Amino acid sequence: MEYQKAQEIVTNNQHLIGKTIKGGIIDELVIHPTEQESYDNFVTSYIQSGNANLSIQPYRNQDVNVFAIIEKGRINAQGIFLHASLDSISTEHEINL
């Protein structure tokens, strides 16, 4: 999807923040590139910076998607990067596309 549409999805689904999924709390909705190499670079940048908006900047003109970050504090504390697609979240919570 285009970056602008992904931004709308993030805005329209802020109600998911604080909800439980996969045994953890959703802390953030993040736009990420879908192409594998770009995705890998995005995740590395996001883990290092903790800033999704900064990390997505180089990929705004690529195909993107949205996922939820679960238990963001575990990234630095335990090196665990938990995330869930909107499709998987939709089995438990309403998603506004």
PDB file of N, CA and C in Angstrom:
ATOM      1  N   MET A   1       0.840  -1.166   0.000  1.00  0.00           N
ATOM      2  CA  MET A   1       0.000   0.000   0.000  1.00  0.00           C
ATOM      3  C   MET A   1       0.889   1.232   0.000  1.00  0.00           C
ATOM      4  N   GLU A   2       0.310   2.349  -0.329  1.00  0.00           N
ATOM      5  CA  GLU A   2       1.049   3.603  -0.320  1.00  0.00           C
ATOM      6  C   GLU A   2       1.191   4.124   1.109  1.00  0.00           C
ATOM      7  N   TYR A   3       2.233   4.902   1.328  1.00  0.00           N
ATOM      8  CA  TYR A   3       2.544   5.430   2.650  1.00  0.00           C
ATOM      9  C   TYR A   3       1.368   6.221   3.233  1.00  0.00           C
ATOM     10  N   GLN A   4       0.735   7.053   2.420  1.00  0.00           N
ATOM     11  CA  GLN A   4      -0.379   7.875   2.909  1.00  0.00           C
ATOM     12  C   GLN A   4      -1.520   7.011   3.443  1.00  0.00           C
ATOM     13  N   LYS A   5      -1.839   5.926   2.741  1.00  0.00           N
ATOM     14  CA  LYS A   5      -2.887   5.014   3.206  1.00  0.00           C
ATOM     15  C   LYS A   5      -2.477   4.361   4.524  1.00  0.00           C
ATOM     16  N   ALA A   6      -1.222   3.978   4.638  1.00  0.00           N
ATOM     17  CA  ALA A   6      -0.729   3.378   5.877  1.00  0.00           C
ATOM     18  C   ALA A   6      -0.844   4.364   7.038  1.00  0.00           C
ATOM     19  N   GLN A   7      -0.554   5.635   6.790  1.00  0.00           N
ATOM     20  CA  GLN A   7      -0.700   6.660   7.825  1.00  0.00           C
ATOM     21  C   GLN A   7      -2.157   6.743   8.293  1.00  0.00           C
ATOM     22  N   GLU A   8      -3.101   6.670   7.356  1.00  0.00           N
ATOM     23  CA  GLU A   8      -4.518   6.698   7.701  1.00  0.00           C
ATOM     24  C   GLU A   8      -4.890   5.505   8.577  1.00  0.00           C
ATOM     25  N   ILE A   9      -4.359   4.334   8.234  1.00  0.00           N
ATOM     26  CA  ILE A   9      -4.643   3.126   9.016  1.00  0.00           C
ATOM     27  C   ILE A   9      -4.105   3.282  10.435  1.00  0.00           C
ATOM     28  N   VAL A  10      -2.898   3.808  10.571  1.00  0.00           N
ATOM     29  CA  VAL A  10      -2.328   4.033  11.902  1.00  0.00           C
ATOM     30  C   VAL A  10      -3.209   5.001  12.686  1.00  0.00           C
ATOM     31  N   THR A  11      -3.593   6.099  12.072  1.00  0.00           N
ATOM     32  CA  THR A  11      -4.433   7.093  12.736  1.00  0.00           C
ATOM     33  C   THR A  11      -5.786   6.512  13.142  1.00  0.00           C
ATOM     34  N   ASN A  12      -6.394   5.739  12.245  1.00  0.00           N
ATOM     35  CA  ASN A  12      -7.732   5.193  12.487  1.00  0.00           C
ATOM     36  C   ASN A  12      -7.757   4.026  13.464  1.00  0.00           C
ATOM     37  N   ASN A  13      -6.595   3.545  13.875  1.00  0.00           N
ATOM     38  CA  ASN A  13      -6.548   2.378  14.750  1.00  0.00           C
ATOM     39  C   ASN A  13      -5.801   2.626  16.059  1.00  0.00           C
ATOM     40  N   GLN A  14      -5.736   3.864  16.463  1.00  0.00           N
ATOM     41  CA  GLN A  14      -5.076   4.193  17.726  1.00  0.00           C
ATOM     42  C   GLN A  14      -5.772   3.540  18.921  1.00  0.00           C
ATOM     43  N   HIS A  15      -7.033   3.146  18.727  1.00  0.00           N
ATOM     44  CA  HIS A  15      -7.761   2.461  19.804  1.00  0.00           C
ATOM     45  C   HIS A  15      -7.131   1.117  20.173  1.00  0.00           C
ATOM     46  N   LEU A  16      -6.249   0.605  19.321  1.00  0.00           N
ATOM     47  CA  LEU A  16      -5.595  -0.678  19.599  1.00  0.00           C
ATOM     48  C   LEU A  16      -4.476  -0.558  20.631  1.00  0.00           C
ATOM     49  N   ILE A  17      -3.938   0.655  20.794  1.00  0.00           N
ATOM     50  CA  ILE A  17      -2.859   0.857  21.760  1.00  0.00           C
ATOM     51  C   ILE A  17      -3.384   0.499  23.149  1.00  0.00           C
ATOM     52  N   GLY A  18      -2.647  -0.355  23.827  1.00  0.00           N
ATOM     53  CA  GLY A  18      -3.042  -0.793  25.159  1.00  0.00           C
ATOM     54  C   GLY A  18      -3.859  -2.079  25.175  1.00  0.00           C
ATOM     55  N   LYS A  19      -4.284  -2.553  24.002  1.00  0.00           N
ATOM     56  CA  LYS A  19      -5.031  -3.811  23.915  1.00  0.00           C
ATOM     57  C   LYS A  19      -4.055  -4.983  23.990  1.00  0.00           C
ATOM     58  N   THR A  20      -4.570  -6.127  24.402  1.00  0.00           N
ATOM     59  CA  THR A  20      -3.753  -7.334  24.523  1.00  0.00           C
ATOM     60  C   THR A  20      -3.876  -8.180  23.263  1.00  0.00           C
ATOM     61  N   ILE A  21      -2.733  -8.657  22.774  1.00  0.00           N
ATOM     62  CA  ILE A  21      -2.670  -9.576  21.632  1.00  0.00           C
ATOM     63  C   ILE A  21      -1.437 -10.457  21.839  1.00  0.00           C
ATOM     64  N   LYS A  22      -1.558 -11.718  21.527  1.00  0.00           N
ATOM     65  CA  LYS A  22      -0.432 -12.649  21.671  1.00  0.00           C
ATOM     66  C   LYS A  22       0.163 -12.618  23.078  1.00  0.00           C
ATOM     67  N   GLY A  23      -0.667 -12.381  24.077  1.00  0.00           N
ATOM     68  CA  GLY A  23      -0.206 -12.373  25.454  1.00  0.00           C
ATOM     69  C   GLY A  23       0.552 -11.128  25.866  1.00  0.00           C
ATOM     70  N   GLY A  24       0.574 -10.107  25.010  1.00  0.00           N
ATOM     71  CA  GLY A  24       1.272  -8.866  25.334  1.00  0.00           C
ATOM     72  C   GLY A  24       0.428  -7.658  24.987  1.00  0.00           C
ATOM     73  N   ILE A  25       0.879  -6.510  25.401  1.00  0.00           N
ATOM     74  CA  ILE A  25       0.175  -5.263  25.185  1.00  0.00           C
ATOM     75  C   ILE A  25       0.702  -4.576  23.917  1.00  0.00           C
ATOM     76  N   ILE A  26      -0.219  -4.093  23.081  1.00  0.00           N
ATOM     77  CA  ILE A  26       0.165  -3.326  21.894  1.00  0.00           C
ATOM     78  C   ILE A  26       0.610  -1.943  22.357  1.00  0.00           C
ATOM     79  N   ASP A  27       1.848  -1.592  22.028  1.00  0.00           N
ATOM     80  CA  ASP A  27       2.406  -0.303  22.420  1.00  0.00           C
ATOM     81  C   ASP A  27       2.422   0.720  21.293  1.00  0.00           C
ATOM     82  N   GLU A  28       2.455   0.254  20.052  1.00  0.00           N
ATOM     83  CA  GLU A  28       2.640   1.187  18.939  1.00  0.00           C
ATOM     84  C   GLU A  28       2.212   0.526  17.637  1.00  0.00           C
ATOM     85  N   LEU A  29       1.661   1.331  16.739  1.00  0.00           N
ATOM     86  CA  LEU A  29       1.403   0.876  15.378  1.00  0.00           C
ATOM     87  C   LEU A  29       2.478   1.489  14.498  1.00  0.00           C
ATOM     88  N   VAL A  30       3.100   0.662  13.670  1.00  0.00           N
ATOM     89  CA  VAL A  30       4.288   1.054  12.920  1.00  0.00           C
ATOM     90  C   VAL A  30       4.103   0.768  11.436  1.00  0.00           C
ATOM     91  N   ILE A  31       4.502   1.721  10.616  1.00  0.00           N
ATOM     92  CA  ILE A  31       4.523   1.541   9.165  1.00  0.00           C
ATOM     93  C   ILE A  31       5.889   0.971   8.803  1.00  0.00           C
ATOM     94  N   HIS A  32       5.883  -0.089   7.995  1.00  0.00           N
ATOM     95  CA  HIS A  32       7.142  -0.730   7.603  1.00  0.00           C
ATOM     96  C   HIS A  32       7.131  -1.055   6.113  1.00  0.00           C
ATOM     97  N   PRO A  33       8.300  -1.081   5.481  1.00  0.00           N
ATOM     98  CA  PRO A  33       8.368  -1.471   4.063  1.00  0.00           C
ATOM     99  C   PRO A  33       8.131  -2.970   3.924  1.00  0.00           C
ATOM    100  N   THR A  34       7.595  -3.376   2.779  1.00  0.00           N
ATOM    101  CA  THR A  34       7.299  -4.793   2.577  1.00  0.00           C
ATOM    102  C   THR A  34       8.418  -5.541   1.868  1.00  0.00           C
ATOM    103  N   GLU A  35       9.230  -4.865   1.101  1.00  0.00           N
ATOM    104  CA  GLU A  35      10.338  -5.523   0.399  1.00  0.00           C
ATOM    105  C   GLU A  35      11.347  -6.001   1.443  1.00  0.00           C
ATOM    106  N   GLN A  36      11.812  -7.231   1.343  1.00  0.00           N
ATOM    107  CA  GLN A  36      12.573  -7.886   2.407  1.00  0.00           C
ATOM    108  C   GLN A  36      13.823  -7.128   2.837  1.00  0.00           C
ATOM    109  N   GLU A  37      14.658  -6.721   1.914  1.00  0.00           N
ATOM    110  CA  GLU A  37      15.894  -6.030   2.294  1.00  0.00           C
ATOM    111  C   GLU A  37      15.584  -4.705   2.994  1.00  0.00           C
ATOM    112  N   SER A  38      14.617  -3.963   2.460  1.00  0.00           N
ATOM    113  CA  SER A  38      14.212  -2.708   3.090  1.00  0.00           C
ATOM    114  C   SER A  38      13.618  -2.964   4.472  1.00  0.00           C
ATOM    115  N   TYR A  39      12.822  -4.018   4.575  1.00  0.00           N
ATOM    116  CA  TYR A  39      12.225  -4.389   5.861  1.00  0.00           C
ATOM    117  C   TYR A  39      13.315  -4.691   6.887  1.00  0.00           C
ATOM    118  N   ASP A  40      14.286  -5.478   6.495  1.00  0.00           N
ATOM    119  CA  ASP A  40      15.381  -5.827   7.404  1.00  0.00           C
ATOM    120  C   ASP A  40      16.124  -4.578   7.877  1.00  0.00           C
ATOM    121  N   ASN A  41      16.396  -3.664   6.942  1.00  0.00           N
ATOM    122  CA  ASN A  41      17.085  -2.419   7.291  1.00  0.00           C
ATOM    123  C   ASN A  41      16.215  -1.546   8.191  1.00  0.00           C
ATOM    124  N   PHE A  42      14.908  -1.507   7.909  1.00  0.00           N
ATOM    125  CA  PHE A  42      13.974  -0.755   8.745  1.00  0.00           C
ATOM    126  C   PHE A  42      13.984  -1.295  10.175  1.00  0.00           C
ATOM    127  N   VAL A  43      13.880  -2.610  10.330  1.00  0.00           N
ATOM    128  CA  VAL A  43      13.838  -3.216  11.664  1.00  0.00           C
ATOM    129  C   VAL A  43      15.130  -2.914  12.422  1.00  0.00           C
ATOM    130  N   THR A  44      16.259  -3.029  11.762  1.00  0.00           N
ATOM    131  CA  THR A  44      17.538  -2.709  12.406  1.00  0.00           C
ATOM    132  C   THR A  44      17.553  -1.259  12.893  1.00  0.00           C
ATOM    133  N   SER A  45      17.116  -0.352  12.029  1.00  0.00           N
ATOM    134  CA  SER A  45      17.065   1.062  12.392  1.00  0.00           C
ATOM    135  C   SER A  45      16.099   1.303  13.538  1.00  0.00           C
ATOM    136  N   TYR A  46      14.938   0.675  13.483  1.00  0.00           N
ATOM    137  CA  TYR A  46      13.924   0.848  14.521  1.00  0.00           C
ATOM    138  C   TYR A  46      14.422   0.321  15.867  1.00  0.00           C
ATOM    139  N   ILE A  47      15.048  -0.825  15.867  1.00  0.00           N
ATOM    140  CA  ILE A  47      15.563  -1.401  17.109  1.00  0.00           C
ATOM    141  C   ILE A  47      16.640  -0.492  17.711  1.00  0.00           C
ATOM    142  N   GLN A  48      17.491   0.067  16.862  1.00  0.00           N
ATOM    143  CA  GLN A  48      18.559   0.937  17.354  1.00  0.00           C
ATOM    144  C   GLN A  48      18.025   2.279  17.844  1.00  0.00           C
ATOM    145  N   SER A  49      17.067   2.852  17.114  1.00  0.00           N
ATOM    146  CA  SER A  49      16.600   4.204  17.436  1.00  0.00           C
ATOM    147  C   SER A  49      15.348   4.228  18.306  1.00  0.00           C
ATOM    148  N   GLY A  50      14.515   3.202  18.194  1.00  0.00           N
ATOM    149  CA  GLY A  50      13.232   3.207  18.890  1.00  0.00           C
ATOM    150  C   GLY A  50      12.240   4.172  18.276  1.00  0.00           C
ATOM    151  N   ASN A  51      12.577   4.703  17.098  1.00  0.00           N
ATOM    152  CA  ASN A  51      11.760   5.730  16.460  1.00  0.00           C
ATOM    153  C   ASN A  51      11.272   5.233  15.098  1.00  0.00           C
ATOM    154  N   ALA A  52      10.008   4.834  15.023  1.00  0.00           N
ATOM    155  CA  ALA A  52       9.455   4.296  13.780  1.00  0.00           C
ATOM    156  C   ALA A  52       9.375   5.352  12.685  1.00  0.00           C
ATOM    157  N   ASN A  53       9.030   6.592  13.058  1.00  0.00           N
ATOM    158  CA  ASN A  53       8.910   7.651  12.048  1.00  0.00           C
ATOM    159  C   ASN A  53      10.248   7.947  11.389  1.00  0.00           C
ATOM    160  N   LEU A  54      11.294   7.975  12.152  1.00  0.00           N
ATOM    161  CA  LEU A  54      12.641   8.184  11.609  1.00  0.00           C
ATOM    162  C   LEU A  54      13.056   6.992  10.745  1.00  0.00           C
ATOM    163  N   SER A  55      12.768   5.794  11.218  1.00  0.00           N
ATOM    164  CA  SER A  55      13.207   4.572  10.536  1.00  0.00           C
ATOM    165  C   SER A  55      12.511   4.340   9.202  1.00  0.00           C
ATOM    166  N   ILE A  56      11.282   4.810   9.042  1.00  0.00           N
ATOM    167  CA  ILE A  56      10.543   4.580   7.795  1.00  0.00           C
ATOM    168  C   ILE A  56      10.880   5.621   6.721  1.00  0.00           C
ATOM    169  N   GLN A  57      11.470   6.721   7.080  1.00  0.00           N
ATOM    170  CA  GLN A  57      11.703   7.807   6.128  1.00  0.00           C
ATOM    171  C   GLN A  57      12.348   7.378   4.802  1.00  0.00           C
ATOM    172  N   PRO A  58      13.381   6.555   4.792  1.00  0.00           N
ATOM    173  CA  PRO A  58      13.989   6.185   3.504  1.00  0.00           C
ATOM    174  C   PRO A  58      13.085   5.324   2.613  1.00  0.00           C
ATOM    175  N   TYR A  59      12.003   4.810   3.164  1.00  0.00           N
ATOM    176  CA  TYR A  59      11.176   3.833   2.443  1.00  0.00           C
ATOM    177  C   TYR A  59       9.768   4.342   2.146  1.00  0.00           C
ATOM    178  N   ARG A  60       9.530   5.618   2.321  1.00  0.00           N
ATOM    179  CA  ARG A  60       8.183   6.182   2.148  1.00  0.00           C
ATOM    180  C   ARG A  60       7.647   6.035   0.728  1.00  0.00           C
ATOM    181  N   ASN A  61       8.510   5.905  -0.256  1.00  0.00           N
ATOM    182  CA  ASN A  61       8.061   5.758  -1.642  1.00  0.00           C
ATOM    183  C   ASN A  61       7.958   4.303  -2.075  1.00  0.00           C
ATOM    184  N   GLN A  62       8.160   3.385  -1.156  1.00  0.00           N
ATOM    185  CA  GLN A  62       8.045   1.959  -1.443  1.00  0.00           C
ATOM    186  C   GLN A  62       6.683   1.451  -0.969  1.00  0.00           C
ATOM    187  N   ASP A  63       6.377   0.209  -1.317  1.00  0.00           N
ATOM    188  CA  ASP A  63       5.191  -0.451  -0.800  1.00  0.00           C
ATOM    189  C   ASP A  63       5.395  -0.653   0.700  1.00  0.00           C
ATOM    190  N   VAL A  64       4.380  -0.299   1.480  1.00  0.00           N
ATOM    191  CA  VAL A  64       4.482  -0.409   2.931  1.00  0.00           C
ATOM    192  C   VAL A  64       3.268  -1.130   3.499  1.00  0.00           C
ATOM    193  N   ASN A  65       3.371  -1.493   4.762  1.00  0.00           N
ATOM    194  CA  ASN A  65       2.271  -2.113   5.485  1.00  0.00           C
ATOM    195  C   ASN A  65       2.355  -1.625   6.931  1.00  0.00           C
ATOM    196  N   VAL A  66       1.422  -2.079   7.755  1.00  0.00           N
ATOM    197  CA  VAL A  66       1.362  -1.651   9.151  1.00  0.00           C
ATOM    198  C   VAL A  66       1.370  -2.881  10.041  1.00  0.00           C
ATOM    199  N   PHE A  67       2.145  -2.838  11.118  1.00  0.00           N
ATOM    200  CA  PHE A  67       2.028  -3.860  12.145  1.00  0.00           C
ATOM    201  C   PHE A  67       2.072  -3.204  13.513  1.00  0.00           C
ATOM    202  N   ALA A  68       1.734  -3.984  14.510  1.00  0.00           N
ATOM    203  CA  ALA A  68       1.718  -3.507  15.890  1.00  0.00           C
ATOM    204  C   ALA A  68       2.965  -3.995  16.607  1.00  0.00           C
ATOM    205  N   ILE A  69       3.574  -3.108  17.359  1.00  0.00           N
ATOM    206  CA  ILE A  69       4.692  -3.471  18.227  1.00  0.00           C
ATOM    207  C   ILE A  69       4.093  -3.893  19.565  1.00  0.00           C
ATOM    208  N   ILE A  70       4.497  -5.040  20.035  1.00  0.00           N
ATOM    209  CA  ILE A  70       3.990  -5.595  21.287  1.00  0.00           C
ATOM    210  C   ILE A  70       5.111  -5.569  22.325  1.00  0.00           C
ATOM    211  N   GLU A  71       4.788  -5.007  23.484  1.00  0.00           N
ATOM    212  CA  GLU A  71       5.756  -4.959  24.591  1.00  0.00           C
ATOM    213  C   GLU A  71       7.081  -4.333  24.134  1.00  0.00           C
ATOM    214  N   LYS A  72       7.011  -3.099  23.658  1.00  0.00           N
ATOM    215  CA  LYS A  72       8.178  -2.408  23.102  1.00  0.00           C
ATOM    216  C   LYS A  72       9.371  -2.412  24.063  1.00  0.00           C
ATOM    217  N   GLY A  73       9.121  -2.335  25.355  1.00  0.00           N
ATOM    218  CA  GLY A  73      10.198  -2.312  26.334  1.00  0.00           C
ATOM    219  C   GLY A  73      11.073  -3.550  26.319  1.00  0.00           C
ATOM    220  N   ARG A  74      10.546  -4.635  25.792  1.00  0.00           N
ATOM    221  CA  ARG A  74      11.328  -5.878  25.741  1.00  0.00           C
ATOM    222  C   ARG A  74      12.424  -5.836  24.679  1.00  0.00           C
ATOM    223  N   ILE A  75      12.330  -4.897  23.741  1.00  0.00           N
ATOM    224  CA  ILE A  75      13.349  -4.808  22.690  1.00  0.00           C
ATOM    225  C   ILE A  75      14.706  -4.555  23.325  1.00  0.00           C
ATOM    226  N   ASN A  76      14.820  -3.504  24.117  1.00  0.00           N
ATOM    227  CA  ASN A  76      16.105  -3.178  24.745  1.00  0.00           C
ATOM    228  C   ASN A  76      16.394  -4.062  25.945  1.00  0.00           C
ATOM    229  N   ALA A  77      15.371  -4.374  26.717  1.00  0.00           N
ATOM    230  CA  ALA A  77      15.579  -5.138  27.947  1.00  0.00           C
ATOM    231  C   ALA A  77      16.006  -6.576  27.682  1.00  0.00           C
ATOM    232  N   GLN A  78      15.369  -7.213  26.664  1.00  0.00           N
ATOM    233  CA  GLN A  78      15.627  -8.633  26.425  1.00  0.00           C
ATOM    234  C   GLN A  78      16.041  -8.960  24.996  1.00  0.00           C
ATOM    235  N   GLY A  79      16.088  -7.953  24.139  1.00  0.00           N
ATOM    236  CA  GLY A  79      16.426  -8.201  22.741  1.00  0.00           C
ATOM    237  C   GLY A  79      15.325  -8.935  21.985  1.00  0.00           C
ATOM    238  N   ILE A  80      14.093  -8.815  22.473  1.00  0.00           N
ATOM    239  CA  ILE A  80      12.960  -9.503  21.840  1.00  0.00           C
ATOM    240  C   ILE A  80      12.123  -8.483  21.090  1.00  0.00           C
ATOM    241  N   PHE A  81      11.916  -8.726  19.803  1.00  0.00           N
ATOM    242  CA  PHE A  81      11.144  -7.836  18.940  1.00  0.00           C
ATOM    243  C   PHE A  81       9.827  -8.530  18.592  1.00  0.00           C
ATOM    244  N   LEU A  82       8.780  -8.195  19.332  1.00  0.00           N
ATOM    245  CA  LEU A  82       7.473  -8.802  19.109  1.00  0.00           C
ATOM    246  C   LEU A  82       6.595  -7.862  18.297  1.00  0.00           C
ATOM    247  N   HIS A  83       5.972  -8.414  17.273  1.00  0.00           N
ATOM    248  CA  HIS A  83       5.055  -7.620  16.475  1.00  0.00           C
ATOM    249  C   HIS A  83       3.948  -8.523  15.934  1.00  0.00           C
ATOM    250  N   ALA A  84       2.857  -7.887  15.509  1.00  0.00           N
ATOM    251  CA  ALA A  84       1.719  -8.633  14.962  1.00  0.00           C
ATOM    252  C   ALA A  84       1.141  -7.867  13.792  1.00  0.00           C
ATOM    253  N   SER A  85       0.763  -8.609  12.766  1.00  0.00           N
ATOM    254  CA  SER A  85       0.125  -7.989  11.611  1.00  0.00           C
ATOM    255  C   SER A  85      -1.290  -7.565  11.980  1.00  0.00           C
ATOM    256  N   LEU A  86      -1.835  -6.641  11.223  1.00  0.00           N
ATOM    257  CA  LEU A  86      -3.219  -6.230  11.463  1.00  0.00           C
ATOM    258  C   LEU A  86      -4.175  -7.385  11.207  1.00  0.00           C
ATOM    259  N   ASP A  87      -3.831  -8.257  10.274  1.00  0.00           N
ATOM    260  CA  ASP A  87      -4.673  -9.427  10.016  1.00  0.00           C
ATOM    261  C   ASP A  87      -4.789 -10.294  11.262  1.00  0.00           C
ATOM    262  N   SER A  88      -3.675 -10.531  11.943  1.00  0.00           N
ATOM    263  CA  SER A  88      -3.738 -11.370  13.133  1.00  0.00           C
ATOM    264  C   SER A  88      -4.453 -10.657  14.277  1.00  0.00           C
ATOM    265  N   ILE A  89      -4.317  -9.351  14.359  1.00  0.00           N
ATOM    266  CA  ILE A  89      -5.009  -8.586  15.398  1.00  0.00           C
ATOM    267  C   ILE A  89      -6.511  -8.596  15.163  1.00  0.00           C
ATOM    268  N   SER A  90      -6.909  -8.601  13.893  1.00  0.00           N
ATOM    269  CA  SER A  90      -8.340  -8.533  13.567  1.00  0.00           C
ATOM    270  C   SER A  90      -9.136  -9.736  14.056  1.00  0.00           C
ATOM    271  N   THR A  91      -8.446 -10.815  14.430  1.00  0.00           N
ATOM    272  CA  THR A  91      -9.164 -11.964  14.976  1.00  0.00           C
ATOM    273  C   THR A  91      -9.641 -11.693  16.406  1.00  0.00           C
ATOM    274  N   GLU A  92      -9.033 -10.686  17.075  1.00  0.00           N
ATOM    275  CA  GLU A  92      -9.403 -10.367  18.458  1.00  0.00           C
ATOM    276  C   GLU A  92      -9.945  -8.961  18.643  1.00  0.00           C
ATOM    277  N   HIS A  93      -9.589  -8.038  17.741  1.00  0.00           N
ATOM    278  CA  HIS A  93      -9.972  -6.646  17.891  1.00  0.00           C
ATOM    279  C   HIS A  93     -10.421  -6.079  16.548  1.00  0.00           C
ATOM    280  N   GLU A  94     -11.293  -5.080  16.616  1.00  0.00           N
ATOM    281  CA  GLU A  94     -11.792  -4.433  15.389  1.00  0.00           C
ATOM    282  C   GLU A  94     -10.698  -3.547  14.788  1.00  0.00           C
ATOM    283  N   ILE A  95     -10.499  -3.710  13.484  1.00  0.00           N
ATOM    284  CA  ILE A  95      -9.524  -2.925  12.737  1.00  0.00           C
ATOM    285  C   ILE A  95     -10.289  -2.000  11.786  1.00  0.00           C
ATOM    286  N   ASN A  96      -9.891  -0.737  11.732  1.00  0.00           N
ATOM    287  CA  ASN A  96     -10.499   0.223  10.812  1.00  0.00           C
ATOM    288  C   ASN A  96      -9.545   0.456   9.639  1.00  0.00           C
ATOM    289  N   LEU A  97      -9.930  -0.070   8.489  1.00  0.00           N
ATOM    290  CA  LEU A  97      -9.067   0.089   7.309  1.00  0.00           C
ATOM    291  C   LEU A  97      -9.480   1.233   6.485  1.00  0.00           C
TER     292      LEU A  97
END
